[in-house]
Each structure stands twice: as structure tokens, then as C-alpha cells.
């Protein structure tokens, strides 16, 4: 977590740290296919993909990210900070790219957006408050929609596969813990100030005195001050939550729509309740800190297992769905994110990497 003495971590270093893990993840998925899937049937399923419907999935994915950027923009606006929609979209897309490239379970993306906002003149504490608020709201939406999904499943007598019940209970518990930690960050200001001081002190020790403790404690204190002032503003003006909350809900809908369109592209109509529950479980799997960029391999296996467990598709069809979904949500976004980096400057990956690695 501490900075290298070298001011920039070269892209070659990043690639050396990510490519082996990507290869490992792909190997896991290939092993799953060889052991549990009829490969010929999977390719036959891929071959019958309706490209028109499938391409709509790419459009839904783009719209999903645009509404994520809109929510980010309006959380900042609530705190009297403003960035253009264009920059918000660019920063959000690059943040997503960093999430995919660097295995830091979305923390990298948030650091990236905070970093970009700060470069645009936004106070670091306010940007941090906006990022934390957006994450908490997103978590609450996930839990709320999971409840709706479970209700739809039980109301339509579809039944929840026994193999998924334990996973759902575990995920709900983990999500509740993360929400609890988030609420502690909001309510326990004294605790946070003590923790920040301990972190700065440890950083001074780890860098053997190269880090100036007093200077960094002062900087950290200013960020914490701005952070809690921002939270007070958000609590005092709940109506200002309506636009970003609406954008977050729309973002969630288009995330689900990607799954729906992928199933529809191979001629399968899946109940919306199953899509909601499956989307939630897969999102939880992606948040597990396993160290593999974009959780490649593990998430594909999870998609295949989850939807296969509901019995709506065969194992081969479930594997084909996993491949099609991940092309949209990982490889397409990674390619576009890389292209944006080349147009806007790639130094942000180095800056964020320095904060995440070591």
C-alpha cells in the first residue's frame, strides 16, 4: 500500500502482475468446461446467438455506466462540487478499467475517481464522502432488489435451489457487515481520526522516516474534516439524494438488462426474479478479494453454476451465457477503457497502482 521510491510504476510492471493471474483464471474456467460441460453443445449454443439482440446488450452496458457516472456527478453536486458529465463518464470508465486491471475489488476504481475529481479541483474529503455514499447506496439497492427477486421467485413458485441458499445467506451476512462498517465510518468520527493517525504513524515507520508525519497528519486531518462536513450536508439535504438515487436505480436496471438480453440472444426467456437473484450472487462473487483481475475464470464459473442450478439452462447453455456476458462486462469495457486511457493519458493507472500495490 505504500508508494514506491520510483515515481511511476511502469506499465510493464502492472502487466507482469496481472497477466499471470488472468491466465490462471482462464485456466480455471477451461478446466470447468472440460470437466462439467459438453463443449460441442456449448459451441452450438454460441453459434445460434442472435447478434442483433446481443449487440443491444453492449448498448445496455454502456448506458449502465453512463448512469453510474451521472450518479457520481450528482453526489458531487450535492456537496457543491461540479464536474462535467463528459469528464464524469470518462473518469468512471477509466475507474472501471482500473477495477478490471488491478485486483483491488473496486477500491481501485474509487481511488481513481477521487483522484480525477481532485485533479479537477474537487476537495478530496468531499470526493471521498461522495464515493462512500455512492457505495453504500449501491449496496442498499442490491439488498433491496434481492428481496424483491426472492419474493418474485417464491410468489411464482419457482423455488430457490438448495445449493444457492447457503450462498445467499452468506452473501447477505457479508453485505450486512460491510454496511455496518460503512455506517461506522459515518458515525464514529473520533475512531476514524485515531485510525488515520495510526496509519500515518505506521507509514512513517514503514518508510523509515521518509514520510513526514506532521505534514501528512495535517493533510489527513483536513481530508477527514471535509469528509464529515460533507456527510453533514448530505444528511441535512435528503431531497438532494433523489437524482443520484434515481440514476443508481436506472444503472442497476440496465445491469440486469445485460443479462436478460444475453439470454434472449440465445432464445431463452428467464424469469426476472431469477435474473435479479443471479445478478446479486454473481456481483457478490466478483467482490471477493481473490487477487485475480476482473475475477476472470471464477466469475464465469459462478455464472454457469448459478443459472444452471435454477434449471433454466443446461450446463452447456449456462457456460455459453457466462462467456457472452463476460465479453460485454469485462473484455468490451477493458478494451474501451484502454482506448480512453490512450486518448486521455495513461499516467492515472500508475498513480492508482502506487496507491494499491505495496
Protein backbone atom coordinates (compact mmCIF):
# COMPACT_ATOMS: atom_id res chain seq x y z
CA UNK A 1 0.00 0.00 0.00
CA UNK A 2 2.95 2.31 0.29
CA UNK A 3 4.45 4.28 -2.54
CA UNK A 4 7.50 3.16 -4.43
CA UNK A 5 10.51 5.40 -4.41
CA UNK A 6 10.19 5.29 -8.19
CA UNK A 7 7.60 7.98 -9.07
CA UNK A 8 5.91 5.82 -11.69
CA UNK A 9 5.21 2.11 -11.78
CA UNK A 10 5.77 1.21 -15.38
CA UNK A 11 3.01 -0.42 -17.34
CA UNK A 12 5.27 -3.44 -17.85
CA UNK A 13 5.27 -3.98 -14.09
CA UNK A 14 1.48 -3.82 -13.98
CA UNK A 15 1.21 -6.30 -16.84
CA UNK A 16 3.65 -8.69 -15.16
CA UNK A 17 1.44 -8.66 -12.08
CA UNK A 18 -1.86 -9.10 -13.88
CA UNK A 19 -1.29 -11.36 -16.89
CA UNK A 20 -0.25 -14.46 -14.87
CA UNK A 21 -3.39 -14.16 -12.74
CA UNK A 22 -5.57 -13.67 -15.82
CA UNK A 23 -4.02 -16.82 -17.29
CA UNK A 24 -4.73 -18.66 -14.03
CA UNK A 25 -8.37 -17.55 -14.05
CA UNK A 26 -8.84 -18.62 -17.66
CA UNK A 27 -7.25 -21.98 -16.84
CA UNK A 28 -9.78 -22.49 -14.04
CA UNK A 29 -12.67 -21.78 -16.42
CA UNK A 30 -11.25 -24.08 -19.11
CA UNK A 31 -10.87 -26.84 -16.52
CA UNK A 32 -14.51 -26.36 -15.50
CA UNK A 33 -15.61 -26.60 -19.15
CA UNK A 34 -13.62 -29.78 -19.75
CA UNK A 35 -14.90 -31.47 -16.60
CA UNK A 36 -18.57 -30.44 -16.49
CA UNK A 37 -19.67 -29.09 -19.87
CA UNK A 38 -20.49 -30.62 -23.24
CA UNK A 39 -18.15 -28.47 -25.34
CA UNK A 40 -19.90 -29.24 -28.63
CA UNK A 41 -23.27 -28.20 -27.20
CA UNK A 42 -21.74 -25.01 -25.79
CA UNK A 43 -20.34 -24.00 -29.19
CA UNK A 44 -23.67 -24.90 -30.81
CA UNK A 45 -25.37 -22.53 -28.35
CA UNK A 46 -22.88 -19.78 -29.13
CA UNK A 47 -23.48 -20.38 -32.83
CA UNK A 48 -27.20 -19.69 -32.55
CA UNK A 49 -26.68 -16.29 -30.89
CA UNK A 50 -28.90 -13.59 -32.36
CA UNK A 51 -26.33 -10.85 -32.99
CA UNK A 52 -28.92 -8.05 -33.14
CA UNK A 53 -30.21 -8.83 -29.66
CA UNK A 54 -26.71 -9.49 -28.36
CA UNK A 55 -25.45 -6.12 -29.62
CA UNK A 56 -28.26 -4.48 -27.63
CA UNK A 57 -26.50 -5.92 -24.58
CA UNK A 58 -23.44 -3.81 -25.38
CA UNK A 59 -25.70 -0.76 -25.58
CA UNK A 60 -27.27 -1.62 -22.21
CA UNK A 61 -23.80 -1.96 -20.68
CA UNK A 62 -22.78 1.48 -21.97
CA UNK A 63 -25.97 3.05 -20.63
CA UNK A 64 -25.40 1.33 -17.27
CA UNK A 65 -22.02 3.01 -16.95
CA UNK A 66 -23.38 6.39 -18.09
CA UNK A 67 -25.96 6.36 -15.29
CA UNK A 68 -23.26 5.33 -12.83
CA UNK A 69 -21.33 8.42 -13.95
CA UNK A 70 -24.45 10.56 -13.62
CA UNK A 71 -24.95 9.37 -10.05
CA UNK A 72 -21.30 10.18 -9.26
CA UNK A 73 -21.67 13.66 -10.80
CA UNK A 74 -24.79 14.42 -8.74
CA UNK A 75 -23.35 13.12 -5.48
CA UNK A 76 -20.55 15.64 -6.00
CA UNK A 77 -23.06 18.35 -6.96
CA UNK A 78 -24.91 17.73 -3.68
CA UNK A 79 -21.67 18.76 -1.96
CA UNK A 80 -21.43 21.94 -4.07
CA UNK A 81 -18.75 20.42 -6.28
CA UNK A 82 -19.21 20.08 -10.00
CA UNK A 83 -17.58 18.25 -12.90
CA UNK A 84 -18.91 17.96 -16.44
CA UNK A 85 -20.87 14.90 -17.48
CA UNK A 86 -18.27 14.15 -20.15
CA UNK A 87 -15.47 14.08 -17.59
CA UNK A 88 -17.59 12.10 -15.16
CA UNK A 89 -18.19 9.43 -17.83
CA UNK A 90 -14.51 9.32 -18.79
CA UNK A 91 -13.40 9.08 -15.17
CA UNK A 92 -15.97 6.40 -14.39
CA UNK A 93 -14.98 4.33 -17.41
CA UNK A 94 -11.30 4.58 -16.54
CA UNK A 95 -12.17 3.70 -12.94
CA UNK A 96 -13.95 0.60 -14.19
CA UNK A 97 -10.91 -0.24 -16.31
CA UNK A 98 -8.66 0.09 -13.26
CA UNK A 99 -11.03 -2.18 -11.32
CA UNK A 100 -10.74 -4.79 -14.05
CA UNK A 101 -6.99 -4.50 -14.45
CA UNK A 102 -5.91 -4.20 -10.82
CA UNK A 103 -7.33 -6.80 -8.42
CA UNK A 104 -8.45 -4.44 -5.65
CA UNK A 105 -12.21 -5.22 -5.63
CA UNK A 106 -13.47 -1.81 -6.84
CA UNK A 107 -11.35 0.15 -4.34
CA UNK A 108 -9.02 0.98 -7.23
CA UNK A 109 -11.90 2.41 -9.23
CA UNK A 110 -13.00 4.59 -6.33
CA UNK A 111 -9.46 5.83 -5.73
CA UNK A 112 -9.27 6.58 -9.43
CA UNK A 113 -12.49 8.65 -9.43
CA UNK A 114 -11.43 10.51 -6.28
CA UNK A 115 -8.03 11.16 -7.84
CA UNK A 116 -9.59 12.53 -11.02
CA UNK A 117 -12.11 14.65 -9.13
CA UNK A 118 -9.30 16.10 -7.02
CA UNK A 119 -7.38 16.97 -10.20
CA UNK A 120 -10.49 18.87 -11.33
CA UNK A 121 -10.39 20.94 -8.14
CA UNK A 122 -12.82 18.91 -6.02
CA UNK A 123 -11.90 18.71 -2.34
CA UNK A 124 -10.50 15.27 -1.51
CA UNK A 125 -12.69 14.87 1.57
CA UNK A 126 -15.84 15.71 -0.38
CA UNK A 127 -14.91 13.32 -3.17
CA UNK A 128 -14.30 10.57 -0.59
CA UNK A 129 -17.67 11.27 1.06
CA UNK A 130 -19.40 11.11 -2.34
CA UNK A 131 -17.67 7.82 -3.22
CA UNK A 132 -18.55 6.24 0.14
CA UNK A 133 -22.16 7.42 -0.13
CA UNK A 134 -22.46 6.03 -3.65
CA UNK A 135 -21.11 2.67 -2.50
CA UNK A 136 -23.48 2.47 0.49
CA UNK A 137 -26.47 3.40 -1.66
CA UNK A 138 -25.44 0.79 -4.22
CA UNK A 139 -25.21 -1.85 -1.51
CA UNK A 140 -28.65 -0.93 -0.14
CA UNK A 141 -30.12 -1.14 -3.65
CA UNK A 142 -28.56 -4.58 -4.11
CA UNK A 143 -30.07 -5.88 -0.86
CA UNK A 144 -33.45 -4.29 -1.58
CA UNK A 145 -33.65 -5.72 -5.08
CA UNK A 146 -32.52 -9.14 -3.83
CA UNK A 147 -35.53 -9.16 -1.51
CA UNK A 148 -37.75 -8.28 -4.48
CA UNK A 149 -36.14 -11.03 -6.54
CA UNK A 150 -36.66 -13.62 -3.81
CA UNK A 151 -40.28 -12.52 -3.43
CA UNK A 152 -40.86 -12.94 -7.18
CA UNK A 153 -39.31 -16.40 -7.11
CA UNK A 154 -41.42 -17.60 -4.19
CA UNK A 155 -44.58 -15.88 -5.45
CA UNK A 156 -44.24 -17.63 -8.81
CA UNK A 157 -43.37 -20.90 -7.06
CA UNK A 158 -40.09 -21.24 -8.91
CA UNK A 159 -38.22 -22.35 -5.84
CA UNK A 160 -34.76 -21.41 -4.67
CA UNK A 161 -32.19 -24.16 -5.36
CA UNK A 162 -30.89 -25.60 -2.05
CA UNK A 163 -27.33 -25.26 -3.35
CA UNK A 164 -27.78 -21.48 -3.54
CA UNK A 165 -29.49 -20.88 -0.20
CA UNK A 166 -26.33 -21.08 1.87
CA UNK A 167 -24.51 -18.81 -0.58
CA UNK A 168 -27.29 -16.21 -0.41
CA UNK A 169 -27.35 -16.26 3.41
CA UNK A 170 -23.55 -15.91 3.46
CA UNK A 171 -23.63 -13.04 0.97
CA UNK A 172 -26.37 -11.23 2.89
CA UNK A 173 -24.35 -11.57 6.10
CA UNK A 174 -21.18 -10.26 4.42
CA UNK A 175 -23.11 -7.37 2.89
CA UNK A 176 -24.63 -6.50 6.26
CA UNK A 177 -21.13 -6.43 7.78
CA UNK A 178 -19.87 -4.12 5.01
CA UNK A 179 -22.85 -1.82 5.59
CA UNK A 180 -22.11 -1.84 9.31
CA UNK A 181 -18.51 -0.84 8.63
CA UNK A 182 -19.73 1.90 6.31
CA UNK A 183 -22.05 3.24 9.00
CA UNK A 184 -19.16 3.21 11.47
CA UNK A 185 -17.19 5.38 9.07
CA UNK A 186 -20.09 7.81 9.04
CA UNK A 187 -20.87 7.91 12.77
CA UNK A 188 -17.58 7.32 14.63
CA UNK A 189 -15.52 10.39 13.80
CA UNK A 190 -13.19 10.03 16.80
CA UNK A 191 -12.44 6.43 15.88
CA UNK A 192 -11.61 7.39 12.31
CA UNK A 193 -9.27 10.17 13.41
CA UNK A 194 -7.41 7.75 15.67
CA UNK A 195 -7.20 5.16 12.90
CA UNK A 196 -5.88 7.76 10.44
CA UNK A 197 -3.17 8.78 12.93
CA UNK A 198 -2.18 5.14 13.41
CA UNK A 199 -1.99 4.65 9.63
CA UNK A 200 0.21 7.73 9.19
CA UNK A 201 2.42 6.60 12.06
CA UNK A 202 2.78 3.14 10.54
CA UNK A 203 3.54 4.69 7.15
CA UNK A 204 6.31 6.78 8.73
CA UNK A 205 7.77 3.64 10.29
CA UNK A 206 7.47 1.61 7.07
CA UNK A 207 9.16 4.33 5.01
CA UNK A 208 11.90 4.68 7.65
CA UNK A 209 11.12 8.32 8.25
CA UNK A 210 10.94 9.38 4.60
CA UNK A 211 7.29 10.30 5.11
CA UNK A 212 6.93 13.49 7.16
CA UNK A 213 4.49 12.52 9.88
CA UNK A 214 3.36 16.01 10.95
CA UNK A 215 2.75 17.14 7.37
CA UNK A 216 0.73 14.05 6.46
CA UNK A 217 -1.25 14.13 9.71
CA UNK A 218 -2.24 17.70 8.87
CA UNK A 219 -3.27 16.73 5.33
CA UNK A 220 -5.20 13.72 6.59
CA UNK A 221 -6.94 15.85 9.20
CA UNK A 222 -8.10 18.32 6.52
CA UNK A 223 -9.49 15.44 4.43
CA UNK A 224 -11.33 13.99 7.44
CA UNK A 225 -12.75 17.43 8.28
CA UNK A 226 -14.05 17.87 4.74
CA UNK A 227 -15.35 14.29 4.74
CA UNK A 228 -17.53 14.73 7.82
CA UNK A 229 -18.66 18.20 6.79
CA UNK A 230 -19.80 16.64 3.51
CA UNK A 231 -21.69 13.87 5.29
CA UNK A 232 -23.46 16.51 7.38
CA UNK A 233 -24.51 18.31 4.20
CA UNK A 234 -25.85 15.06 2.74
CA UNK A 235 -27.85 14.25 5.87
CA UNK A 236 -29.24 17.80 6.06
CA UNK A 237 -30.47 17.76 2.45
CA UNK A 238 -32.09 14.34 1.87
CA UNK A 239 -34.05 15.63 -1.14
CA UNK A 240 -30.80 16.08 -2.98
CA UNK A 241 -30.43 12.30 -2.84
CA UNK A 242 -33.35 11.84 -5.23
CA UNK A 243 -31.49 12.46 -8.55
CA UNK A 244 -28.41 10.29 -7.79
CA UNK A 245 -30.59 7.60 -6.18
CA UNK A 246 -32.77 7.54 -9.30
CA UNK A 247 -29.69 7.29 -11.51
CA UNK A 248 -28.34 4.43 -9.36
CA UNK A 249 -31.62 2.52 -9.73
CA UNK A 250 -31.58 3.02 -13.50
CA UNK A 251 -27.95 1.87 -13.56
CA UNK A 252 -28.96 -1.30 -11.68
CA UNK A 253 -31.81 -1.95 -14.15
CA UNK A 254 -29.52 -1.76 -17.18
CA UNK A 255 -27.05 -4.08 -15.43
CA UNK A 256 -29.86 -6.66 -15.15
CA UNK A 257 -30.91 -5.91 -18.72
CA UNK A 258 -27.49 -7.02 -19.99
CA UNK A 259 -28.17 -10.48 -18.51
CA UNK A 260 -31.69 -10.57 -19.92
CA UNK A 261 -30.54 -9.65 -23.44
CA UNK A 262 -27.77 -12.27 -23.38
CA UNK A 263 -30.29 -14.99 -22.50
CA UNK A 264 -32.71 -13.64 -25.10
CA UNK A 265 -29.98 -13.68 -27.75
CA UNK A 266 -29.74 -17.48 -27.47
CA UNK A 267 -33.53 -17.86 -27.43
CA UNK A 268 -34.09 -18.37 -23.69
CA UNK A 269 -36.59 -16.35 -21.66
CA UNK A 270 -35.56 -16.20 -18.00
CA UNK A 271 -37.85 -15.08 -15.18
CA UNK A 272 -36.91 -11.62 -13.92
CA UNK A 273 -36.75 -12.86 -10.33
CA UNK A 274 -34.10 -15.42 -11.28
CA UNK A 275 -32.13 -12.72 -13.08
CA UNK A 276 -32.21 -10.46 -10.01
CA UNK A 277 -31.08 -13.18 -7.60
CA UNK A 278 -28.45 -14.49 -10.01
CA UNK A 279 -27.13 -10.98 -10.68
CA UNK A 280 -26.84 -10.34 -6.94
CA UNK A 281 -24.93 -13.58 -6.24
CA UNK A 282 -22.56 -13.01 -9.14
CA UNK A 283 -21.95 -9.42 -8.01
CA UNK A 284 -21.04 -10.76 -4.58
CA UNK A 285 -18.65 -13.31 -6.07
CA UNK A 286 -16.91 -10.52 -8.01
CA UNK A 287 -16.36 -8.60 -4.76
CA UNK A 288 -14.43 -11.43 -3.09
CA UNK A 289 -10.73 -10.44 -2.82
CA UNK A 290 -9.15 -13.39 -4.64
CA UNK A 291 -6.49 -11.33 -6.40
CA UNK A 292 -7.42 -12.23 -9.99
CA UNK A 293 -8.06 -9.23 -12.29
CA UNK A 294 -11.79 -8.95 -13.05
CA UNK A 295 -12.17 -12.28 -11.19
CA UNK A 296 -11.67 -13.88 -14.60
CA UNK A 297 -12.47 -17.57 -14.60
CA UNK A 298 -14.07 -17.63 -11.17
CA UNK A 299 -16.95 -15.36 -12.18
CA UNK A 300 -17.57 -17.30 -15.40
CA UNK A 301 -17.81 -20.50 -13.38
CA UNK A 302 -20.14 -18.76 -10.89
CA UNK A 303 -22.46 -17.56 -13.67
CA UNK A 304 -22.64 -21.04 -15.16
CA UNK A 305 -23.27 -22.71 -11.79
CA UNK A 306 -25.84 -20.18 -10.52
CA UNK A 307 -28.09 -20.17 -13.58
CA UNK A 308 -27.54 -23.87 -14.12
CA UNK A 309 -28.75 -24.51 -10.55
CA UNK A 310 -32.08 -22.85 -11.35
CA UNK A 311 -32.57 -25.35 -14.15
CA UNK A 312 -33.43 -22.70 -16.75
CA UNK A 313 -30.47 -23.73 -18.94
CA UNK A 314 -28.32 -26.78 -19.48
CA UNK A 315 -24.70 -26.72 -18.25
CA UNK A 316 -23.52 -26.07 -21.81
CA UNK A 317 -26.00 -23.22 -22.29
CA UNK A 318 -25.04 -21.75 -18.90
CA UNK A 319 -21.36 -21.80 -19.92
CA UNK A 320 -22.22 -20.07 -23.21
CA UNK A 321 -24.18 -17.42 -21.30
CA UNK A 322 -21.19 -16.88 -18.99
CA UNK A 323 -18.90 -16.31 -21.98
CA UNK A 324 -21.32 -13.92 -23.67
CA UNK A 325 -21.95 -11.91 -20.50
CA UNK A 326 -18.27 -11.55 -19.70
CA UNK A 327 -17.42 -10.44 -23.24
CA UNK A 328 -19.72 -7.47 -22.62
CA UNK A 329 -18.97 -6.71 -18.97
CA UNK A 330 -15.21 -7.38 -18.96
CA UNK A 331 -13.48 -7.59 -22.31
CA UNK A 332 -15.53 -4.90 -24.07
CA UNK A 333 -15.17 -2.50 -21.14
CA UNK A 334 -11.49 -3.27 -20.80
CA UNK A 335 -10.84 -2.53 -24.48
CA UNK A 336 -12.81 0.73 -24.39
CA UNK A 337 -11.18 1.74 -21.11
CA UNK A 338 -7.73 1.12 -22.56
CA UNK A 339 -8.62 3.21 -25.62
CA UNK A 340 -9.82 6.07 -23.40
CA UNK A 341 -6.58 5.89 -21.43
CA UNK A 342 -4.57 6.25 -24.60
CA UNK A 343 -6.57 9.34 -25.54
CA UNK A 344 -6.54 10.98 -22.11
CA UNK A 345 -3.15 9.91 -20.80
CA UNK A 346 -2.23 6.68 -19.05
CA UNK A 347 -0.50 8.15 -16.00
CA UNK A 348 -3.60 7.59 -13.87
CA UNK A 349 -3.03 3.83 -13.89
CA UNK A 350 0.44 4.40 -12.50
CA UNK A 351 -0.87 6.82 -9.87
CA UNK A 352 -3.63 4.48 -8.74
CA UNK A 353 -1.31 1.46 -8.87
CA UNK A 354 1.08 3.17 -6.49
CA UNK A 355 -1.74 3.56 -4.01
CA UNK A 356 -2.95 -0.04 -4.31
CA UNK A 357 0.19 -2.13 -4.76
CA UNK A 358 2.70 -2.48 -1.94
